[in-house]
Amino acid sequence: MALTSAFGSVVSLALLLANVSAASLSTAELRERASVQRCEQPRPGYVVYTGDSDKFAECLQLLGMKEIAELRINSRGGDIPLTLQLGQSLIGRIDVLIVDGLCASSCANYILPAARRLIVESDSLVVLHG
């Protein structure tokens, strides 16, 4: 499923949540997989990240990334103020964000909207809350 992200869009929220019913893994299993830290650059412009959302800035710094053609993320969330600051700095710098497993809490609230385009893989969850 691909869609252009937008802050506060009811249509975006409905489309994101549409993929929730496809998840075959339990929420506990998804959270466990998202807890293992992973920061890789398989090729220039591409990032694979698993871990707390507030640690993603460290990954980008380690990789020396400024512009991201594709970000494949699996995160259960993290510290709200740090992730909010990171999300604001990422606006316009991520072309495609792919949720591969879980993008919950501050990941969904602050990193996901920074991307120009969004893909939620099957068996993946986006968990937004207020």
C-alpha atoms as a PDB file:
ATOM      1  CA  MET A   1       0.000   0.000   0.000  1.00  0.00           C
ATOM      2  CA  ALA A   2       1.487   3.361  -0.949  1.00  0.00           C
ATOM      3  CA  LEU A   3       0.228   6.772   0.003  1.00  0.00           C
ATOM      4  CA  THR A   4       1.485  10.292   0.343  1.00  0.00           C
ATOM      5  CA  SER A   5       1.761  11.200   4.030  1.00  0.00           C
ATOM      6  CA  ALA A   6       0.030  14.217   5.498  1.00  0.00           C
ATOM      7  CA  PHE A   7      -0.255  15.495   9.057  1.00  0.00           C
ATOM      8  CA  GLY A   8      -3.744  15.067  10.471  1.00  0.00           C
ATOM      9  CA  SER A   9      -5.254  13.420   7.425  1.00  0.00           C
ATOM     10  CA  VAL A  10      -8.213  11.208   8.292  1.00  0.00           C
ATOM     11  CA  VAL A  11      -7.888   9.458   4.923  1.00  0.00           C
ATOM     12  CA  SER A  12      -4.235   8.656   5.614  1.00  0.00           C
ATOM     13  CA  LEU A  13      -5.099   7.259   9.035  1.00  0.00           C
ATOM     14  CA  ALA A  14      -7.851   5.067   7.598  1.00  0.00           C
ATOM     15  CA  LEU A  15      -5.553   3.682   4.898  1.00  0.00           C
ATOM     16  CA  LEU A  16      -2.758   3.019   7.387  1.00  0.00           C
ATOM     17  CA  LEU A  17      -5.037   1.157   9.736  1.00  0.00           C
ATOM     18  CA  ALA A  18      -6.464  -0.876   6.863  1.00  0.00           C
ATOM     19  CA  ASN A  19      -3.313  -3.011   6.872  1.00  0.00           C
ATOM     20  CA  VAL A  20      -3.679  -3.878  10.567  1.00  0.00           C
ATOM     21  CA  SER A  21      -6.059  -6.761   9.906  1.00  0.00           C
ATOM     22  CA  ALA A  22      -3.452  -8.393   7.660  1.00  0.00           C
ATOM     23  CA  ALA A  23      -0.952  -8.834  10.490  1.00  0.00           C
ATOM     24  CA  SER A  24      -0.399 -12.512  11.270  1.00  0.00           C
ATOM     25  CA  LEU A  25       2.164 -11.932  14.041  1.00  0.00           C
ATOM     26  CA  SER A  26       1.028 -10.999  17.523  1.00  0.00           C
ATOM     27  CA  THR A  27       1.708  -7.493  18.777  1.00  0.00           C
ATOM     28  CA  ALA A  28       4.119  -8.968  21.331  1.00  0.00           C
ATOM     29  CA  GLU A  29       6.089 -10.699  18.539  1.00  0.00           C
ATOM     30  CA  LEU A  30       6.216  -7.496  16.488  1.00  0.00           C
ATOM     31  CA  ARG A  31       7.405  -5.500  19.534  1.00  0.00           C
ATOM     32  CA  GLU A  32      10.102  -8.092  20.244  1.00  0.00           C
ATOM     33  CA  ARG A  33      11.414  -7.968  16.665  1.00  0.00           C
ATOM     34  CA  ALA A  34      11.433  -4.162  16.783  1.00  0.00           C
ATOM     35  CA  SER A  35      13.527  -4.102  19.963  1.00  0.00           C
ATOM     36  CA  VAL A  36      16.699  -5.480  18.356  1.00  0.00           C
ATOM     37  CA  GLN A  37      18.965  -2.608  17.252  1.00  0.00           C
ATOM     38  CA  ARG A  38      19.891  -2.609  13.548  1.00  0.00           C
ATOM     39  CA  CYS A  39      21.375   0.215  11.472  1.00  0.00           C
ATOM     40  CA  GLU A  40      22.475  -0.594   7.927  1.00  0.00           C
ATOM     41  CA  GLN A  41      23.038   1.108   4.604  1.00  0.00           C
ATOM     42  CA  PRO A  42      22.651  -1.667   1.996  1.00  0.00           C
ATOM     43  CA  ARG A  43      23.401   0.820  -0.796  1.00  0.00           C
ATOM     44  CA  PRO A  44      23.763   4.609  -1.102  1.00  0.00           C
ATOM     45  CA  GLY A  45      20.612   6.469  -0.060  1.00  0.00           C
ATOM     46  CA  TYR A  46      18.983   3.400   1.499  1.00  0.00           C
ATOM     47  CA  VAL A  47      18.662   2.790   5.246  1.00  0.00           C
ATOM     48  CA  VAL A  48      17.416  -0.244   7.163  1.00  0.00           C
ATOM     49  CA  TYR A  49      16.663   0.620  10.787  1.00  0.00           C
ATOM     50  CA  THR A  50      15.301  -1.435  13.659  1.00  0.00           C
ATOM     51  CA  GLY A  51      15.195  -0.055  17.182  1.00  0.00           C
ATOM     52  CA  ASP A  52      13.860   2.735  19.331  1.00  0.00           C
ATOM     53  CA  SER A  53      12.807   5.761  17.284  1.00  0.00           C
ATOM     54  CA  ASP A  54      14.828   8.188  19.395  1.00  0.00           C
ATOM     55  CA  LYS A  55      18.037   6.300  18.496  1.00  0.00           C
ATOM     56  CA  PHE A  56      17.453   6.685  14.743  1.00  0.00           C
ATOM     57  CA  ALA A  57      19.360  10.001  14.739  1.00  0.00           C
ATOM     58  CA  GLU A  58      22.460   8.148  15.958  1.00  0.00           C
ATOM     59  CA  CYS A  59      22.067   5.683  13.089  1.00  0.00           C
ATOM     60  CA  LEU A  60      21.861   8.483  10.523  1.00  0.00           C
ATOM     61  CA  GLN A  61      24.907  10.159  12.035  1.00  0.00           C
ATOM     62  CA  LEU A  62      26.849   6.881  11.988  1.00  0.00           C
ATOM     63  CA  LEU A  63      25.962   6.352   8.320  1.00  0.00           C
ATOM     64  CA  GLY A  64      26.553  10.002   7.390  1.00  0.00           C
ATOM     65  CA  MET A  65      23.087  10.226   5.845  1.00  0.00           C
ATOM     66  CA  LYS A  66      21.408  13.508   4.962  1.00  0.00           C
ATOM     67  CA  GLU A  67      18.981  12.548   2.193  1.00  0.00           C
ATOM     68  CA  ILE A  68      17.233   9.173   2.294  1.00  0.00           C
ATOM     69  CA  ALA A  69      15.825   7.615  -0.872  1.00  0.00           C
ATOM     70  CA  GLU A  70      14.316   4.715   1.066  1.00  0.00           C
ATOM     71  CA  LEU A  71      14.000   4.043   4.790  1.00  0.00           C
ATOM     72  CA  ARG A  72      12.908   0.568   5.880  1.00  0.00           C
ATOM     73  CA  ILE A  73      11.934   0.897   9.547  1.00  0.00           C
ATOM     74  CA  ASN A  74      10.827  -1.395  12.362  1.00  0.00           C
ATOM     75  CA  SER A  75      10.367   0.547  15.607  1.00  0.00           C
ATOM     76  CA  ARG A  76       8.201   0.284  18.696  1.00  0.00           C
ATOM     77  CA  GLY A  77       8.679   4.011  19.375  1.00  0.00           C
ATOM     78  CA  GLY A  78      10.870   5.859  21.826  1.00  0.00           C
ATOM     79  CA  ASP A  79      11.421   9.103  23.699  1.00  0.00           C
ATOM     80  CA  ILE A  80       8.795  11.594  22.526  1.00  0.00           C
ATOM     81  CA  PRO A  81      10.718  14.906  22.663  1.00  0.00           C
ATOM     82  CA  LEU A  82      13.815  13.417  20.990  1.00  0.00           C
ATOM     83  CA  THR A  83      11.785  11.705  18.259  1.00  0.00           C
ATOM     84  CA  LEU A  84       9.675  14.830  17.679  1.00  0.00           C
ATOM     85  CA  GLN A  85      12.847  16.866  17.176  1.00  0.00           C
ATOM     86  CA  LEU A  86      14.233  14.204  14.839  1.00  0.00           C
ATOM     87  CA  GLY A  87      10.983  14.002  12.881  1.00  0.00           C
ATOM     88  CA  GLN A  88      10.974  17.759  12.343  1.00  0.00           C
ATOM     89  CA  SER A  89      14.549  17.612  11.046  1.00  0.00           C
ATOM     90  CA  LEU A  90      13.632  14.790   8.629  1.00  0.00           C
ATOM     91  CA  ILE A  91      10.772  16.594   6.859  1.00  0.00           C
ATOM     92  CA  GLY A  92      11.564  16.557   3.134  1.00  0.00           C
ATOM     93  CA  ARG A  93      14.631  14.315   3.581  1.00  0.00           C
ATOM     94  CA  ILE A  94      12.943  10.885   3.282  1.00  0.00           C
ATOM     95  CA  ASP A  95      11.492   9.969  -0.096  1.00  0.00           C
ATOM     96  CA  VAL A  96       9.980   6.547   0.717  1.00  0.00           C
ATOM     97  CA  LEU A  97       9.401   5.110   4.179  1.00  0.00           C
ATOM     98  CA  ILE A  98       8.619   1.388   4.355  1.00  0.00           C
ATOM     99  CA  VAL A  99       7.155  -0.005   7.562  1.00  0.00           C
ATOM    100  CA  ASP A 100       8.573  -3.502   7.825  1.00  0.00           C
ATOM    101  CA  GLY A 101       7.097  -4.928  11.015  1.00  0.00           C
ATOM    102  CA  LEU A 102       6.097  -2.137  13.375  1.00  0.00           C
ATOM    103  CA  CYS A 103       6.057   1.643  13.453  1.00  0.00           C
ATOM    104  CA  ALA A 104       4.426   2.503  16.754  1.00  0.00           C
ATOM    105  CA  SER A 105       4.020   5.472  19.041  1.00  0.00           C
ATOM    106  CA  SER A 106       6.616   8.182  18.364  1.00  0.00           C
ATOM    107  CA  CYS A 107       7.786   6.394  15.201  1.00  0.00           C
ATOM    108  CA  ALA A 108       4.272   6.642  13.746  1.00  0.00           C
ATOM    109  CA  ASN A 109       3.556  10.082  15.182  1.00  0.00           C
ATOM    110  CA  TYR A 110       6.786  11.856  14.188  1.00  0.00           C
ATOM    111  CA  ILE A 111       9.027   9.917  11.773  1.00  0.00           C
ATOM    112  CA  LEU A 112       6.361   8.467   9.477  1.00  0.00           C
ATOM    113  CA  PRO A 113       4.815  11.886   8.551  1.00  0.00           C
ATOM    114  CA  ALA A 114       8.245  13.228   7.518  1.00  0.00           C
ATOM    115  CA  ALA A 115       8.321  10.923   4.477  1.00  0.00           C
ATOM    116  CA  ARG A 116       7.031  11.942   1.059  1.00  0.00           C
ATOM    117  CA  ARG A 117       5.652   8.452   0.384  1.00  0.00           C
ATOM    118  CA  LEU A 118       4.708   5.550   2.618  1.00  0.00           C
ATOM    119  CA  ILE A 119       4.507   1.799   2.134  1.00  0.00           C
ATOM    120  CA  VAL A 120       3.197  -0.500   4.858  1.00  0.00           C
ATOM    121  CA  GLU A 121       4.300  -4.061   4.199  1.00  0.00           C
ATOM    122  CA  SER A 122       1.844  -6.889   4.760  1.00  0.00           C
ATOM    123  CA  ASP A 123       2.055  -8.328   8.280  1.00  0.00           C
ATOM    124  CA  SER A 124       3.097  -4.883   9.543  1.00  0.00           C
ATOM    125  CA  LEU A 125       1.421  -2.463  11.930  1.00  0.00           C
ATOM    126  CA  VAL A 126       1.306   1.307  12.245  1.00  0.00           C
ATOM    127  CA  VAL A 127       0.153   2.273  15.726  1.00  0.00           C
ATOM    128  CA  LEU A 128      -0.845   5.901  16.260  1.00  0.00           C
ATOM    129  CA  HIS A 129      -2.015   7.310  19.568  1.00  0.00           C
ATOM    130  CA  GLY A 130      -2.524  10.691  21.127  1.00  0.00           C
END
